[in-house]
Protein backbone atom coordinates (compact mmCIF):
# COMPACT_ATOMS: atom_id res chain seq x y z
CA LEU A 1 101.51 26.78 74.65
CA LEU A 2 103.36 26.91 71.33
CA GLU A 3 102.82 24.67 68.34
CA ASN A 4 105.34 24.22 65.51
CA GLU A 5 104.60 22.20 62.38
CA LEU A 6 106.36 21.39 59.13
CA LEU A 7 103.78 20.60 56.46
CA LEU A 8 104.03 19.25 52.93
CA VAL A 9 101.46 21.01 50.73
CA TRP A 10 99.89 19.75 47.51
CA LYS A 11 98.07 22.48 45.55
CA ILE A 12 95.28 21.72 43.09
CA GLN A 13 94.08 24.42 40.66
CA THR A 14 90.38 24.03 39.80
CA GLU A 15 88.64 25.27 36.68
CA SER A 16 86.76 27.91 38.70
CA SER A 17 90.05 29.62 39.78
CA ILE A 18 89.95 28.18 43.31
CA VAL A 19 93.19 26.71 44.62
CA VAL A 20 92.69 23.74 46.96
CA GLU A 21 95.55 22.82 49.31
CA LEU A 22 96.04 19.44 50.98
CA ARG A 23 98.53 19.45 53.87
CA ALA A 24 100.24 16.73 55.90
CA GLY A 25 103.18 16.76 58.26
CA GLY A 26 104.31 16.81 61.84
CA GLY A 27 105.92 18.89 64.49
CA CYS A 28 105.77 19.50 68.20
CA LEU A 29 103.68 21.10 70.91
CA MET A 30 105.66 22.96 73.56
CA LEU A 31 104.30 23.70 77.01
CA TYR A 32 106.34 26.42 78.69
CA ASN A 33 105.87 27.32 82.34
CA LEU A 34 102.28 26.05 82.33
CA GLY A 35 100.60 25.77 85.73
CA TYR A 36 97.56 26.82 87.72
CA SER A 37 97.32 28.92 90.87
CA TYR A 38 94.45 28.74 93.30
CA SER A 39 94.03 30.73 96.49
CA GLU A 40 95.81 28.15 98.67
CA TYR A 41 97.31 25.78 96.11
CA GLU A 42 99.66 26.05 93.15
CA THR A 43 100.34 23.25 90.67
CA PRO A 44 103.89 22.49 89.55
CA LYS A 45 104.95 24.20 86.32
CA ILE A 46 105.17 22.04 83.20
CA ASN A 47 107.95 22.52 80.64
CA LYS A 48 107.71 19.75 78.03
CA ILE A 49 107.80 19.11 74.30
CA PHE A 50 105.42 16.58 72.71
CA PRO A 51 105.44 15.31 69.08
CA ASN A 52 102.38 15.74 66.89
CA ALA A 53 100.96 14.73 63.51
CA ALA A 54 98.96 17.19 61.41
CA VAL A 55 96.70 17.15 58.35
CA GLY A 56 94.66 19.93 56.79
CA ILE A 57 92.75 21.27 53.85
CA GLY A 58 92.40 24.82 52.58
CA ALA A 59 90.91 26.79 49.71
CA GLN A 60 92.01 30.11 48.26
CA THR A 61 90.35 32.32 45.68
CA PHE A 62 91.34 35.65 44.17
CA LEU A 63 88.57 38.25 44.04
CA THR A 64 90.69 40.71 42.05
CA ASN A 65 94.15 40.38 40.50
CA HIS A 66 95.78 40.87 43.91
CA PHE A 67 93.14 40.47 46.68
CA PHE A 68 92.44 36.93 47.91
CA ILE A 69 90.42 35.13 50.58
CA ASP A 70 91.69 31.92 52.18
CA THR A 71 89.92 29.46 54.44
CA SER A 72 91.46 26.37 55.98
CA TRP A 73 90.99 23.61 58.53
CA ASN A 74 94.02 22.05 60.22
CA MET A 75 93.85 19.09 62.57
CA SER A 76 96.67 18.14 64.96
CA LEU A 77 97.00 15.09 67.13
CA VAL A 78 99.51 15.59 69.96
CA PHE A 79 101.03 12.47 71.51
CA MET A 80 101.42 13.06 75.25
CA ASP A 81 102.86 10.73 77.90
CA ASP A 82 99.62 9.11 79.09
CA SER A 83 97.03 10.46 76.63
CA SER A 84 96.59 12.24 73.32
CA PHE A 85 95.36 15.74 72.59
CA PHE A 86 93.33 16.63 69.48
CA MET A 87 93.17 20.19 68.11
CA LEU A 88 91.01 21.48 65.27
CA GLN A 89 92.11 24.88 63.97
CA PRO A 90 89.77 26.64 61.50
CA SER A 91 90.88 29.92 59.96
CA VAL A 92 89.65 32.52 57.50
CA SER A 93 92.02 35.16 56.18
CA ALA A 94 92.31 37.77 53.47
CA GLY A 95 95.41 39.20 51.89
CA TRP A 96 97.05 41.14 49.11
CA HIS A 97 99.41 39.31 46.75
CA LEU A 98 101.99 41.42 44.93
């Protein structure tokens, strides 16, 4: 399972030094050699690429001049052949900006 997305990002600087990011875009979800094996049965392997649409929001704040904390929520809707697949991806990260 591999997901690729190209997002357009709009950054908003608040008065309290928090940067808010709004994201929108699209991409694809790739299933490579996906299958299940049971003791007496094995499903056929799936190798397919499906398009998706994605939106998200994030916030970033600097605690010092270089150290920051970022939190974000991204939502992807994958369009499959006979159904759709919704993913919600929360994340929290910290980093050092030079």
